Protein backbone atom coordinates (compact mmCIF):
# COMPACT_ATOMS: atom_id res chain seq x y z
CA MET A 1 -26.51 -1.89 -3.07
CA ALA A 2 -23.30 -3.98 -4.40
CA GLY A 3 -23.03 -3.04 -8.21
CA ASN A 4 -25.34 -0.44 -7.63
CA GLU A 5 -23.47 2.98 -9.78
CA ALA A 6 -25.62 5.20 -7.50
CA ALA A 7 -23.87 3.89 -4.38
CA VAL A 8 -20.76 4.95 -5.63
CA LEU A 9 -18.40 7.49 -3.21
CA VAL A 10 -17.61 10.16 -5.46
CA PRO A 11 -16.11 12.86 -2.98
CA ASP A 12 -17.66 16.39 -4.26
CA GLU A 13 -14.80 19.97 -3.71
CA GLN A 14 -15.78 20.21 -0.28
CA GLU A 15 -14.93 16.83 0.64
CA ARG A 16 -11.75 16.87 -1.26
CA GLY A 17 -10.49 19.63 -0.13
CA ALA A 18 -11.55 18.98 3.66
CA ILE A 19 -9.06 15.26 2.93
CA GLN A 20 -6.21 17.24 1.40
CA SER A 21 -6.09 19.52 3.92
CA PHE A 22 -5.66 16.68 6.51
CA LEU A 23 -3.36 14.69 4.84
CA ALA A 24 -1.00 17.63 4.02
CA GLY A 25 -0.03 18.02 7.45
CA ALA A 26 1.10 14.70 7.55
CA ALA A 27 0.71 14.59 10.87
CA VAL A 28 -1.17 12.31 13.05
CA PRO A 29 -4.52 14.42 14.95
CA THR A 30 -3.59 16.25 18.07
CA ALA A 31 -6.46 14.31 19.57
CA LEU A 32 -5.49 10.36 18.28
CA GLN A 33 -1.96 11.64 20.40
CA ASN A 34 -3.53 12.68 22.99
CA LEU A 35 -5.64 9.45 23.52
CA ILE A 36 -2.36 7.04 22.97
CA GLU A 37 -0.32 8.47 25.21
CA GLN A 38 -3.37 8.56 27.86
CA TYR A 39 -3.79 4.36 26.63
CA ILE A 40 -0.31 4.01 27.79
CA VAL A 41 -0.66 5.80 31.05
CA ARG A 42 -3.38 3.52 31.30
CA LYS A 43 -1.70 0.34 30.88
CA ILE A 44 1.71 1.00 32.91
CA ASP A 45 0.01 3.12 35.82
CA LYS A 46 2.96 5.54 35.82
CA ASP A 47 3.92 8.66 34.27
CA TRP A 48 5.23 7.69 30.79
CA HIS A 49 7.83 10.66 30.51
CA ASP A 50 9.72 8.79 33.47
CA PRO A 51 13.24 8.17 32.31
CA VAL A 52 13.34 4.74 33.12
CA ILE A 53 9.47 4.13 31.28
CA LEU A 54 11.22 5.86 27.95
CA ASP A 55 14.45 3.89 28.38
CA ARG A 56 11.81 0.48 28.52
CA ILE A 57 9.92 1.86 25.50
CA ARG A 58 13.26 2.57 23.41
CA ARG A 59 14.65 -0.88 24.66
CA ALA A 60 11.05 -2.62 22.96
CA ILE A 61 11.29 -0.69 19.93
CA VAL A 62 15.05 -1.86 19.33
CA ALA A 63 14.09 -5.56 19.94
CA GLN A 64 11.03 -5.30 17.58
CA LYS A 65 13.12 -3.61 14.63
CA ASN A 66 15.49 -6.48 15.25
CA ARG A 67 13.04 -8.88 15.21
CA TYR A 68 11.84 -7.69 11.70
CA TRP A 69 14.99 -7.89 10.78
CA LYS A 70 16.21 -10.78 11.49
CA GLU A 71 16.42 -13.76 8.97
CA LYS A 72 13.60 -16.34 9.47
CA ALA A 73 12.10 -14.90 12.70
CA LYS A 74 9.60 -17.17 14.48
CA ARG A 75 7.97 -15.58 17.44
CA PRO A 76 7.25 -12.08 18.16
CA ILE A 77 8.75 -10.20 21.14
CA THR A 78 6.93 -9.71 23.93
CA TYR A 79 7.00 -7.72 26.92
CA LYS A 80 5.77 -7.13 30.69
CA GLY A 81 3.40 -4.68 30.79
CA GLY A 82 2.28 -4.52 27.38
CA TYR A 83 5.86 -2.93 26.07
CA SER A 84 5.81 -4.56 22.69
CA VAL A 85 2.20 -2.95 21.73
CA ILE A 86 3.33 0.48 23.57
CA ALA A 87 6.54 0.09 21.15
CA TYR A 88 4.64 -0.40 17.93
CA LEU A 89 2.28 2.75 18.87
CA ALA A 90 5.08 4.51 19.46
CA TYR A 91 7.24 3.73 16.43
CA GLN A 92 5.10 1.79 13.56
CA PHE A 93 1.55 3.53 14.29
CA PRO A 94 2.16 6.86 12.82
CA VAL A 95 3.44 5.63 9.54
CA TYR A 96 1.08 3.06 9.32
CA TYR A 97 -1.47 4.78 9.81
CA LEU A 98 -1.18 8.06 7.17
CA GLN A 99 0.11 5.95 4.96
CA PHE A 100 -3.16 4.25 5.07
CA ALA A 101 -5.06 7.30 5.23
CA SER A 102 -3.38 8.37 2.07
CA ILE A 103 -4.17 4.88 0.41
CA PHE A 104 -7.97 5.18 1.43
CA SER A 105 -8.50 8.56 0.19
CA GLU A 106 -7.34 7.77 -3.17
CA LEU A 107 -9.28 4.59 -3.49
CA ALA A 108 -12.14 7.45 -2.79
CA ALA A 109 -10.56 9.59 -5.37
CA ALA A 110 -10.73 6.64 -8.34
CA GLY A 111 -14.52 5.69 -7.57
CA LEU A 112 -13.36 2.32 -5.76
CA LEU A 113 -15.04 3.23 -2.39
CA LYS A 114 -19.09 3.27 -1.65
CA LYS A 115 -21.22 5.61 0.28
CA GLU A 116 -22.15 2.59 2.53
CA MET A 117 -19.70 0.16 2.94
CA VAL A 118 -18.53 -3.57 4.76
CA ILE A 119 -14.56 -2.90 5.56
CA VAL A 120 -12.99 -5.86 7.43
CA ASP A 121 -9.59 -5.61 8.75
CA ALA A 122 -7.69 -8.94 8.61
CA GLY A 123 -4.62 -8.37 11.29
CA SER A 124 -5.67 -5.43 12.81
CA GLY A 125 -3.13 -4.74 15.91
CA PRO A 126 -4.11 -1.72 17.90
CA GLY A 127 -6.52 -0.50 15.15
CA VAL A 128 -4.30 1.69 12.23
CA VAL A 129 -6.79 0.99 9.43
CA PRO A 130 -9.96 1.38 11.53
CA LEU A 131 -8.61 4.38 13.32
CA ALA A 132 -7.66 5.85 9.60
CA ILE A 133 -10.98 5.69 8.36
CA ILE A 134 -12.60 6.66 11.32
CA ASP A 135 -10.81 10.18 10.50
CA LEU A 136 -11.25 9.94 7.06
CA MET A 137 -14.98 9.08 7.26
CA LYS A 138 -15.59 12.24 9.43
CA ARG A 139 -14.79 14.41 6.48
CA LEU A 140 -17.52 12.96 4.02
CA HIS A 141 -21.07 13.70 3.85
CA GLY A 142 -23.75 11.06 3.86
CA CYS A 143 -21.37 7.95 4.16
CA HIS A 144 -21.47 5.11 6.46
CA ALA A 145 -18.88 2.56 6.87
CA THR A 146 -19.26 -0.99 8.91
CA ILE A 147 -15.74 -1.99 10.50
CA HIS A 148 -14.90 -5.73 11.33
CA ALA A 149 -11.58 -6.76 12.93
CA ILE A 150 -9.92 -9.98 13.28
CA GLU A 151 -6.74 -9.82 15.65
CA GLN A 152 -5.42 -12.47 17.83
CA SER A 153 -3.45 -10.76 20.37
CA GLU A 154 -5.21 -9.88 23.49
CA GLU A 155 -2.80 -6.95 23.90
CA HIS A 156 -3.60 -5.50 20.74
CA ARG A 157 -7.40 -6.14 20.86
CA GLU A 158 -7.17 -4.29 24.11
CA ALA A 159 -5.48 -1.11 22.77
CA TYR A 160 -7.96 -2.01 19.70
CA ARG A 161 -10.81 -1.20 22.31
CA TYR A 162 -9.48 1.39 24.03
CA LEU A 163 -8.65 3.18 21.09
CA VAL A 164 -10.69 2.57 17.96
CA GLU A 165 -13.75 2.37 20.29
CA GLY A 166 -12.94 5.32 22.01
CA TYR A 167 -11.86 7.44 18.90
CA GLY A 168 -14.75 6.41 17.09
CA LYS A 169 -17.45 6.84 19.98
CA GLY A 170 -20.16 9.43 18.87
CA ILE A 171 -19.08 9.09 14.93
CA PRO A 172 -21.86 8.17 13.49
CA ALA A 173 -20.32 7.76 10.07
CA VAL A 174 -18.75 4.63 11.69
CA THR A 175 -20.09 0.91 13.10
CA LEU A 176 -17.77 -0.94 15.03
CA THR A 177 -17.83 -4.41 15.58
CA PRO A 178 -15.79 -6.06 18.57
CA PRO A 179 -12.45 -7.52 17.29
CA MET A 180 -12.44 -10.99 16.12
CA ASN A 181 -10.06 -12.85 18.70
CA ARG A 182 -8.63 -15.30 15.72
CA ASP A 183 -5.70 -16.21 13.80
CA ILE A 184 -6.16 -15.20 10.20
CA THR A 185 -4.86 -18.15 8.92
CA LYS A 186 -7.33 -20.15 10.61
CA VAL A 187 -10.79 -17.89 9.67
CA LYS A 188 -12.56 -19.54 7.63
CA PRO A 189 -14.77 -17.56 4.97
CA GLU A 190 -17.90 -18.41 6.33
CA ASP A 191 -17.07 -16.54 9.50
CA LEU A 192 -16.66 -13.48 7.75
CA PRO A 193 -19.77 -11.04 6.62
CA ALA A 194 -21.40 -11.15 3.51
CA SER A 195 -21.12 -8.76 0.64
CA ILE A 196 -17.61 -7.22 1.88
CA ASP A 197 -16.72 -4.18 -0.46
CA LEU A 198 -13.26 -3.49 1.49
CA LEU A 199 -11.21 -6.35 2.32
CA VAL A 200 -7.79 -5.30 4.17
CA PHE A 201 -4.84 -7.11 4.80
CA SER A 202 -2.23 -3.99 5.88
CA ASN A 203 1.79 -5.13 6.96
CA VAL A 204 0.11 -8.20 7.44
CA LEU A 205 0.98 -10.85 5.52
CA ASN A 206 4.62 -10.23 5.49
CA GLU A 207 4.00 -11.67 9.47
CA LEU A 208 2.59 -14.79 8.48
CA HIS A 209 6.16 -16.73 9.12
CA GLU A 210 4.54 -19.76 9.05
CA SER A 211 2.76 -19.66 5.79
CA SER A 212 4.41 -19.92 2.43
CA ILE A 213 3.43 -17.51 -0.63
CA GLN A 214 0.64 -19.98 -2.13
CA ASP A 215 -0.59 -20.13 1.29
CA ARG A 216 -1.19 -16.06 1.65
CA ALA A 217 -2.62 -16.51 -1.95
CA ASP A 218 -5.12 -19.39 -0.85
CA LEU A 219 -6.25 -17.35 2.03
CA ILE A 220 -6.90 -14.26 -0.05
CA ARG A 221 -8.49 -16.47 -2.80
CA ALA A 222 -10.95 -18.16 0.07
CA TRP A 223 -12.01 -14.92 1.48
CA ALA A 224 -12.83 -13.50 -2.08
CA SER A 225 -15.55 -15.22 -2.06
CA ARG A 226 -17.12 -13.07 0.61
CA LEU A 227 -16.22 -9.90 -1.61
CA ALA A 228 -19.12 -7.82 -2.72
CA PRO A 229 -19.37 -8.70 -6.58
CA ASP A 230 -17.70 -5.11 -6.86
CA GLY A 231 -15.68 -5.14 -4.04
CA ILE A 232 -11.55 -5.17 -3.46
CA ILE A 233 -8.97 -6.55 -1.99
CA LEU A 234 -6.22 -4.03 -0.75
CA LEU A 235 -2.79 -5.50 -0.13
CA ILE A 236 -0.40 -3.33 1.95
CA GLU A 237 3.60 -4.59 2.26
CA PRO A 238 6.74 -2.66 3.73
CA ALA A 239 9.00 -1.55 0.59
CA GLU A 240 11.91 -4.42 1.47
CA ARG A 241 12.75 -6.43 -0.99
CA VAL A 242 11.43 -9.47 0.61
CA ALA A 243 8.29 -8.79 1.55
CA SER A 244 7.12 -6.58 -1.50
CA SER A 245 8.72 -9.45 -3.97
CA ALA A 246 6.70 -12.19 -1.81
CA LEU A 247 3.38 -9.78 -2.43
CA ARG A 248 3.93 -9.27 -6.37
CA LYS A 249 4.38 -12.88 -6.18
CA THR A 250 1.25 -13.59 -4.42
CA THR A 251 -0.85 -11.20 -6.85
CA GLN A 252 0.50 -13.52 -9.65
CA MET A 253 -0.85 -16.51 -7.83
CA LEU A 254 -4.42 -14.86 -7.53
CA ALA A 255 -4.51 -13.41 -11.21
CA ALA A 256 -3.69 -17.11 -11.86
CA ALA A 257 -6.46 -18.75 -9.92
CA GLY A 258 -8.85 -15.85 -11.66
CA LEU A 259 -8.81 -12.85 -9.81
CA THR A 260 -8.32 -9.82 -11.46
CA VAL A 261 -5.17 -7.70 -10.11
CA TYR A 262 -6.71 -3.99 -10.66
CA SER A 263 -3.25 -2.20 -10.17
CA PRO A 264 -0.68 -1.69 -10.06
CA CYS A 265 0.33 -4.45 -12.21
CA PRO A 266 -0.26 -4.03 -15.35
CA ASP A 267 -2.18 -7.23 -17.77
CA LEU A 268 -1.70 -5.54 -21.12
CA TRP A 269 -0.70 -8.04 -23.63
CA ARG A 270 -3.14 -10.49 -21.63
CA SER A 271 -0.37 -12.68 -20.34
CA ARG A 272 0.30 -13.55 -16.71
CA CYS A 273 3.43 -11.79 -15.21
CA SER A 274 5.79 -14.45 -14.82
CA CYS A 275 9.02 -12.22 -13.46
CA GLN A 276 10.42 -14.06 -10.16
CA ASP A 277 12.05 -10.81 -8.44
CA CYS A 278 10.20 -7.55 -8.86
CA TRP A 279 10.79 -5.27 -6.30
CA THR A 280 8.47 -1.87 -6.74
CA PHE A 281 7.28 0.08 -4.33
CA GLU A 282 5.46 3.58 -3.73
CA GLU A 283 6.80 6.58 -1.60
CA ARG A 284 4.83 9.39 0.34
CA ARG A 285 6.22 12.30 1.89
CA SER A 286 7.54 11.67 4.96
CA ILE A 287 5.29 12.20 8.42
CA GLN A 288 5.63 14.83 11.18
CA PRO A 289 7.08 13.12 14.38
CA THR A 290 4.45 12.35 16.89
CA HIS A 291 4.92 13.70 20.46
CA LEU A 292 5.54 10.60 21.71
CA MET A 293 8.30 10.12 19.09
CA LYS A 294 9.99 13.51 19.68
CA VAL A 295 10.21 12.50 23.29
CA LEU A 296 12.05 9.24 22.88
CA ALA A 297 14.15 10.58 20.40
CA ASP A 298 15.61 13.11 22.70
CA ASP A 299 18.34 10.60 23.41
CA PRO A 300 22.44 10.20 22.14
CA GLU A 301 20.82 7.73 19.57
CA GLY A 302 18.13 9.04 18.77
CA TYR A 303 17.96 8.36 15.00
CA ARG A 304 16.58 4.76 16.22
CA TYR A 305 13.37 6.05 17.64
CA LEU A 306 12.26 8.34 14.51
CA ASN A 307 10.04 6.39 11.95
CA THR A 308 8.81 9.02 9.20
CA ASP A 309 9.29 7.79 5.75
CA ILE A 310 6.31 6.11 3.73
CA LYS A 311 7.41 3.58 1.53
CA PHE A 312 5.05 0.71 0.99
CA SER A 313 4.41 -2.07 -1.82
CA SER A 314 0.60 -2.85 -2.23
CA ALA A 315 -1.87 -4.15 -4.62
CA ILE A 316 -5.73 -4.16 -5.41
CA ILE A 317 -7.26 -7.08 -6.62
CA ARG A 318 -10.98 -7.36 -7.70
CA LYS A 319 -13.15 -10.48 -8.47
CA ASP A 320 -14.51 -8.83 -11.59
CA THR A 321 -12.37 -8.00 -14.85
CA LYS A 322 -11.84 -4.06 -14.00
CA THR A 323 -8.47 -2.72 -14.02
CA ARG A 324 -7.04 0.83 -13.53
CA THR A 325 -5.64 0.94 -16.78
CA ARG A 326 -7.80 0.44 -19.84
CA PHE A 327 -6.84 -0.86 -23.17
CA GLU A 328 -7.84 -2.19 -26.68
CA PRO A 329 -5.58 -5.45 -27.18
CA LEU A 330 -2.06 -4.21 -28.28
CA SER A 331 -0.59 -5.01 -31.58
CA GLU A 332 2.90 -6.42 -32.27
CA LYS A 333 3.26 -4.35 -35.14
CA LYS A 334 2.76 -1.19 -33.24
CA TYR A 335 4.46 -1.74 -29.65
CA ALA A 336 7.52 -4.09 -29.08
CA ARG A 337 6.73 -6.78 -26.08
CA PHE A 338 9.51 -6.07 -23.62
CA SER A 339 9.84 -9.76 -23.05
CA HIS A 340 11.26 -9.51 -27.02
CA LEU A 341 13.20 -6.42 -26.48
CA ALA A 342 16.38 -8.75 -26.94
CA SER A 343 15.54 -8.56 -30.46
CA HIS A 344 15.25 -4.83 -30.65
CA GLU A 345 18.52 -4.05 -28.77
CA ASN A 346 19.98 -0.98 -30.22
CA ARG A 347 16.75 -0.13 -32.01
CA ARG A 348 13.98 2.23 -32.10
CA VAL A 349 10.89 1.24 -30.67
CA SER A 350 7.47 2.16 -29.38
CA CYS A 351 6.13 0.40 -26.20
CA ALA A 352 3.52 0.47 -24.08
CA ALA A 353 3.71 0.11 -19.86
CA VAL A 354 3.01 1.29 -16.74
CA LYS A 355 5.20 3.09 -14.24
CA MET A 356 6.08 1.08 -11.86
CA SER A 357 8.46 3.61 -9.18
CA ALA A 358 9.58 6.84 -8.34
CA ASP A 359 12.58 8.53 -9.85
CA LEU A 360 15.28 6.34 -9.24
CA GLY A 361 17.84 8.29 -10.50
CA ASP A 362 19.37 11.44 -10.57
CA PRO A 363 19.14 15.35 -11.35
CA LYS A 364 20.91 14.48 -14.59
CA ASN A 365 19.56 11.35 -15.31
CA HIS A 366 15.71 10.53 -14.59
CA VAL A 367 15.18 6.71 -14.37
CA PHE A 368 11.57 4.61 -13.75
CA LEU A 369 10.76 0.97 -13.34
CA LEU A 370 8.21 0.11 -16.14
CA CYS A 371 6.37 -3.04 -16.69
CA ASP A 372 3.86 -4.16 -19.64
CA GLY A 373 3.18 -8.14 -17.96
CA THR A 374 5.66 -9.69 -20.06
CA SER A 375 9.43 -9.60 -19.17
CA THR A 376 11.61 -11.06 -16.96
CA VAL A 377 13.89 -8.99 -15.94
CA PRO A 378 13.88 -5.58 -14.98
CA VAL A 379 13.23 -2.54 -17.64
CA PHE A 380 13.54 0.70 -17.24
CA ALA A 381 12.49 4.07 -18.99
CA VAL A 382 15.96 6.86 -18.88
CA LEU A 383 15.43 10.38 -19.71
CA PRO A 384 18.28 12.56 -19.35
CA ALA A 385 17.76 15.90 -18.27
CA TYR A 386 19.14 17.24 -21.45
CA HIS A 387 16.82 15.09 -23.52
CA GLU A 388 13.53 16.27 -21.88
CA THR A 389 10.93 18.12 -23.93
CA GLU A 390 7.32 18.95 -23.70
CA GLU A 391 6.46 15.69 -25.85
CA ASN A 392 8.28 13.37 -23.74
CA ARG A 393 7.75 14.80 -19.98
CA ALA A 394 4.96 12.75 -19.26
CA ILE A 395 7.04 10.21 -17.87
CA ARG A 396 8.28 12.30 -15.14
CA THR A 397 4.65 13.78 -14.41
CA CYS A 398 2.57 10.86 -14.66
CA GLY A 399 1.86 9.02 -11.62
CA TYR A 400 2.87 5.39 -10.01
CA GLY A 401 0.93 2.69 -11.65
CA ASP A 402 -0.45 4.80 -14.40
CA GLY A 403 -0.01 3.59 -18.12
CA VAL A 404 2.39 5.63 -20.71
CA VAL A 405 3.05 5.01 -24.58
CA LEU A 406 6.89 5.66 -24.90
CA GLN A 407 7.57 6.12 -29.20
CA GLY A 408 10.70 6.61 -30.64
CA ILE A 409 12.96 5.12 -27.71
CA LEU A 410 15.95 3.50 -28.27
CA VAL A 411 16.83 -0.15 -26.31
CA ARG A 412 19.61 -1.20 -24.86
CA GLN A 413 21.03 -4.10 -22.50
CA ASN A 414 22.89 -3.53 -19.11
CA ARG A 415 25.14 -6.80 -19.10
CA LYS A 416 26.45 -6.42 -15.52
CA THR A 417 22.59 -6.86 -14.53
CA GLY A 418 20.56 -8.02 -17.46
CA ALA A 419 18.28 -5.28 -17.43
CA TYR A 420 17.00 -3.50 -20.47
CA ASN A 421 17.47 0.57 -20.41
CA LEU A 422 14.65 2.49 -22.78
CA LEU A 423 16.84 5.93 -23.56
CA ILE A 424 14.93 8.28 -24.28
CA SER A 425 15.49 11.74 -26.29
CA LYS A 426 14.68 14.57 -27.81
CA GLN A 427 12.99 12.47 -30.83
CA SER A 428 11.05 10.56 -28.15
CA ARG A 429 7.30 10.70 -27.00
CA VAL A 430 5.99 9.55 -23.91
CA ILE A 431 1.76 9.98 -23.84
CA PRO A 432 -0.42 9.09 -20.90
CA PHE A 433 -2.14 5.66 -22.10
CA GLN A 434 -5.89 6.76 -22.09
CA GLN A 435 -4.54 9.67 -24.43
CA ASP A 436 -3.38 7.37 -27.08
CA GLN A 437 -5.91 5.00 -27.07
CA GLU A 438 -8.19 7.74 -28.00
CA ASN A 439 -6.32 8.64 -30.72
């Protein structure tokens, strides 16, 4: 049914309400929390509330955090008794689970998912992505997903089998296949199912320490041959600068290889982005700590074991030419390219761009990163609070990845950083891009 419009998943009002209610709680479901705690007891054959066990979990969390931030780390930290997996479930899992649930619901709302889906999760770990999909598929009617996972760690596969298979048991909307025991860098396209509708790389590319950015792009490009004609590749990486910037470079390489960046990166001028240090990420509301996380945080240094912020970088890749921001070719008579802002300094111009950040400013000055796909330096929209009007408020109310037209903005250069500021005043207008194209 690939390419069949009738197969597109369009949640109805009841389904949207159920998903919104689920996400509004910002909490891992109690049943899943209980299952994770049961797995920990099964794994260590002891009560995890034991102070000695809690201390081991805390030390494993600290070790994982240190490994992540250590420059050019080559090997993962391992612990006897599976404490590395337990630490992951206690600290990273809750955020990653709710993060993916939020993204998956947005894909459904945007019409990018189907009622019948083949999903591949690369580097699945203990099953973050499948567990989130199970919870959301329970809230959708007449839909079905077949999930294939790839994970080389036996510790993670063991947790996957207990958690994912246990949580998905009796859920007719989901079919689970046994996780493939492979290093994803060694998986060939022919090893994957045909006609994949959703291919997910969630917080895994930055872990390929032996692979260059070009290697990662080549891997994704090769796997794209197994996509359905209207299938998508979802790339998710941590928000920290190195991983986020590497993701943007990866998407540039994929675009150069003939794939389409559906979002968030714009191609408004039909020219490939060449920015070498693009650091942009999204934020979601903080999550509620799990019971396990709260117990671990009952410690003099409890802040070290709380992880509730959702911040991430992402990209959606397609084989066809569809993009999130639809537009007609731009005219240089009407809009100024960001790559030409030097020639417009201290002048008022109109620009078309995509919003690439949340508010980076403060209550007095609202600041947003913008991109039109042509600039090699950062470009920011700056709206002083006292200049806000009904005509320019859209820069604040539109979402991450949305296209906007900015009219009557003043171009200024920040000479210390080399960035450009587009100053929005009471005389300026900010218009959602689709609306401008219709006028």
